[in-house]
Structure formats: C-alpha cells, structure tokens
C-alpha cells in the first residue's frame, strides 16, 4: 500500500495544483480523467516514449511474430507432432 501511495499522492497533488475545484465531486471527476489520460494516452519514458497502448500493440505484434516464426500457430484445430514436441 505504501508503494501505491508513493505513486498516487504526487499525481493527485499535481492535479490539485492545476485546478480550482467547485466541489469534491468535480475534483474526483477531473482527477479520474487526468489519471486515465496519464495511464493510457501520455508517452512514458519507461516505455521508450510510447503510450501504454502503443507499447501493448507493439508487444503483441512481437509476440505473434515470434509464435508464427516458431510454427506454433496453424490452421487446423489439432497440433501436429512437430508442434507438440516443442512443448515437451
């Protein structure tokens, strides 16, 4: 819980410094909107300056490329002996 507080409290303080709120409901709504943008649309240095969505898509493409290159995906619903041997 301490780690979560270490991350959330500074974010909330940043938002509180940027806005004057009329009431608690408005503050909650704006903070939730800001967190959504921060967690989905803003590029992150830790993700090579990609947004989380761009990073997830890139990771998925890389994963599918690796799986396809190893021959684990195929058109039939049954595994071939060759593919089963990779898992054993």
C-alpha atoms as a PDB file:
ATOM      1  CA  UNK A   1       0.000   0.000   0.000  1.00  0.00           C
ATOM      2  CA  UNK A   2       2.906   2.363   0.697  1.00  0.00           C
ATOM      3  CA  UNK A   3       4.165   1.994  -2.886  1.00  0.00           C
ATOM      4  CA  UNK A   4       0.700   2.827  -4.231  1.00  0.00           C
ATOM      5  CA  UNK A   5       0.562   5.925  -2.034  1.00  0.00           C
ATOM      6  CA  UNK A   6       4.035   6.949  -3.210  1.00  0.00           C
ATOM      7  CA  UNK A   7       2.748   6.904  -6.800  1.00  0.00           C
ATOM      8  CA  UNK A   8      -0.797   8.254  -6.406  1.00  0.00           C
ATOM      9  CA  UNK A   9      -0.229  11.087  -3.926  1.00  0.00           C
ATOM     10  CA  UNK A  10       2.198  13.045  -6.167  1.00  0.00           C
ATOM     11  CA  UNK A  11      -0.154  12.619  -9.138  1.00  0.00           C
ATOM     12  CA  UNK A  12      -3.117  13.904  -7.156  1.00  0.00           C
ATOM     13  CA  UNK A  13      -1.047  16.847  -5.874  1.00  0.00           C
ATOM     14  CA  UNK A  14      -0.082  17.767  -9.451  1.00  0.00           C
ATOM     15  CA  UNK A  15      -3.740  17.778 -10.496  1.00  0.00           C
ATOM     16  CA  UNK A  16      -4.753  19.734  -7.397  1.00  0.00           C
ATOM     17  CA  UNK A  17      -2.149  22.382  -8.233  1.00  0.00           C
ATOM     18  CA  UNK A  18      -3.547  22.786 -11.771  1.00  0.00           C
ATOM     19  CA  UNK A  19      -7.235  23.282 -10.989  1.00  0.00           C
ATOM     20  CA  UNK A  20      -9.583  25.165  -8.700  1.00  0.00           C
ATOM     21  CA  UNK A  21     -12.467  22.843  -7.885  1.00  0.00           C
ATOM     22  CA  UNK A  22     -16.020  23.856  -7.020  1.00  0.00           C
ATOM     23  CA  UNK A  23     -16.731  20.689  -5.039  1.00  0.00           C
ATOM     24  CA  UNK A  24     -15.402  17.232  -4.187  1.00  0.00           C
ATOM     25  CA  UNK A  25     -17.352  15.519  -6.995  1.00  0.00           C
ATOM     26  CA  UNK A  26     -15.750  17.803  -9.577  1.00  0.00           C
ATOM     27  CA  UNK A  27     -12.302  17.157  -8.098  1.00  0.00           C
ATOM     28  CA  UNK A  28     -12.826  13.390  -8.267  1.00  0.00           C
ATOM     29  CA  UNK A  29     -14.054  13.561 -11.874  1.00  0.00           C
ATOM     30  CA  UNK A  30     -11.118  15.678 -13.055  1.00  0.00           C
ATOM     31  CA  UNK A  31      -8.568  13.541 -11.189  1.00  0.00           C
ATOM     32  CA  UNK A  32     -10.054  10.364 -12.709  1.00  0.00           C
ATOM     33  CA  UNK A  33      -9.934  11.917 -16.199  1.00  0.00           C
ATOM     34  CA  UNK A  34      -6.324  13.013 -15.657  1.00  0.00           C
ATOM     35  CA  UNK A  35      -5.296   9.553 -14.425  1.00  0.00           C
ATOM     36  CA  UNK A  36      -6.944   7.948 -17.458  1.00  0.00           C
ATOM     37  CA  UNK A  37      -5.011  10.206 -19.827  1.00  0.00           C
ATOM     38  CA  UNK A  38      -1.795   9.685 -17.840  1.00  0.00           C
ATOM     39  CA  UNK A  39      -2.169   5.896 -17.893  1.00  0.00           C
ATOM     40  CA  UNK A  40      -3.344   5.456 -21.497  1.00  0.00           C
ATOM     41  CA  UNK A  41      -2.512   8.401 -23.764  1.00  0.00           C
ATOM     42  CA  UNK A  42       0.656  10.020 -22.413  1.00  0.00           C
ATOM     43  CA  UNK A  43       4.003   8.728 -23.692  1.00  0.00           C
ATOM     44  CA  UNK A  44       6.118   7.177 -20.929  1.00  0.00           C
ATOM     45  CA  UNK A  45       9.901   7.314 -20.836  1.00  0.00           C
ATOM     46  CA  UNK A  46       9.974   3.784 -19.378  1.00  0.00           C
ATOM     47  CA  UNK A  47       8.096   2.558 -22.475  1.00  0.00           C
ATOM     48  CA  UNK A  48      10.607   4.062 -24.911  1.00  0.00           C
ATOM     49  CA  UNK A  49       8.443   7.201 -25.199  1.00  0.00           C
ATOM     50  CA  UNK A  50       5.411   5.244 -26.371  1.00  0.00           C
ATOM     51  CA  UNK A  51       1.933   5.426 -24.926  1.00  0.00           C
ATOM     52  CA  UNK A  52       0.869   2.325 -22.982  1.00  0.00           C
ATOM     53  CA  UNK A  53      -1.479   1.379 -25.827  1.00  0.00           C
ATOM     54  CA  UNK A  54       1.292   1.700 -28.437  1.00  0.00           C
ATOM     55  CA  UNK A  55       3.559  -0.390 -26.211  1.00  0.00           C
ATOM     56  CA  UNK A  56       0.924  -3.118 -25.772  1.00  0.00           C
ATOM     57  CA  UNK A  57       0.250  -3.250 -29.516  1.00  0.00           C
ATOM     58  CA  UNK A  58       3.984  -3.431 -30.257  1.00  0.00           C
ATOM     59  CA  UNK A  59       4.428  -6.203 -27.685  1.00  0.00           C
ATOM     60  CA  UNK A  60       1.503  -8.142 -29.137  1.00  0.00           C
ATOM     61  CA  UNK A  61       2.878  -7.833 -32.679  1.00  0.00           C
ATOM     62  CA  UNK A  62       6.292  -9.029 -31.491  1.00  0.00           C
ATOM     63  CA  UNK A  63       4.711 -11.963 -29.632  1.00  0.00           C
ATOM     64  CA  UNK A  64       2.616 -13.054 -32.626  1.00  0.00           C
ATOM     65  CA  UNK A  65       5.638 -12.735 -34.935  1.00  0.00           C
ATOM     66  CA  UNK A  66       7.681 -14.971 -32.623  1.00  0.00           C
ATOM     67  CA  UNK A  67       4.897 -17.535 -32.324  1.00  0.00           C
ATOM     68  CA  UNK A  68       4.406 -17.611 -36.095  1.00  0.00           C
ATOM     69  CA  UNK A  69       8.120 -17.935 -36.760  1.00  0.00           C
ATOM     70  CA  UNK A  70       8.295 -20.928 -34.411  1.00  0.00           C
ATOM     71  CA  UNK A  71       5.332 -22.593 -36.124  1.00  0.00           C
ATOM     72  CA  UNK A  72       3.080 -22.795 -33.053  1.00  0.00           C
ATOM     73  CA  UNK A  73       0.052 -21.406 -34.867  1.00  0.00           C
ATOM     74  CA  UNK A  74      -1.522 -23.339 -37.692  1.00  0.00           C
ATOM     75  CA  UNK A  75      -4.853 -23.639 -39.491  1.00  0.00           C
ATOM     76  CA  UNK A  76      -6.095 -26.958 -38.116  1.00  0.00           C
ATOM     77  CA  UNK A  77      -7.544 -27.461 -34.647  1.00  0.00           C
ATOM     78  CA  UNK A  78      -5.150 -30.367 -33.974  1.00  0.00           C
ATOM     79  CA  UNK A  79      -1.492 -29.977 -33.042  1.00  0.00           C
ATOM     80  CA  UNK A  80       0.982 -31.704 -35.276  1.00  0.00           C
ATOM     81  CA  UNK A  81       3.581 -33.969 -33.715  1.00  0.00           C
ATOM     82  CA  UNK A  82       6.238 -31.405 -34.609  1.00  0.00           C
ATOM     83  CA  UNK A  83       4.413 -28.657 -32.682  1.00  0.00           C
ATOM     84  CA  UNK A  84       3.696 -30.917 -29.694  1.00  0.00           C
ATOM     85  CA  UNK A  85       7.382 -31.787 -29.402  1.00  0.00           C
ATOM     86  CA  UNK A  86       8.196 -28.109 -28.806  1.00  0.00           C
ATOM     87  CA  UNK A  87       6.059 -28.116 -25.650  1.00  0.00           C
ATOM     88  CA  UNK A  88       7.502 -31.316 -24.128  1.00  0.00           C
END
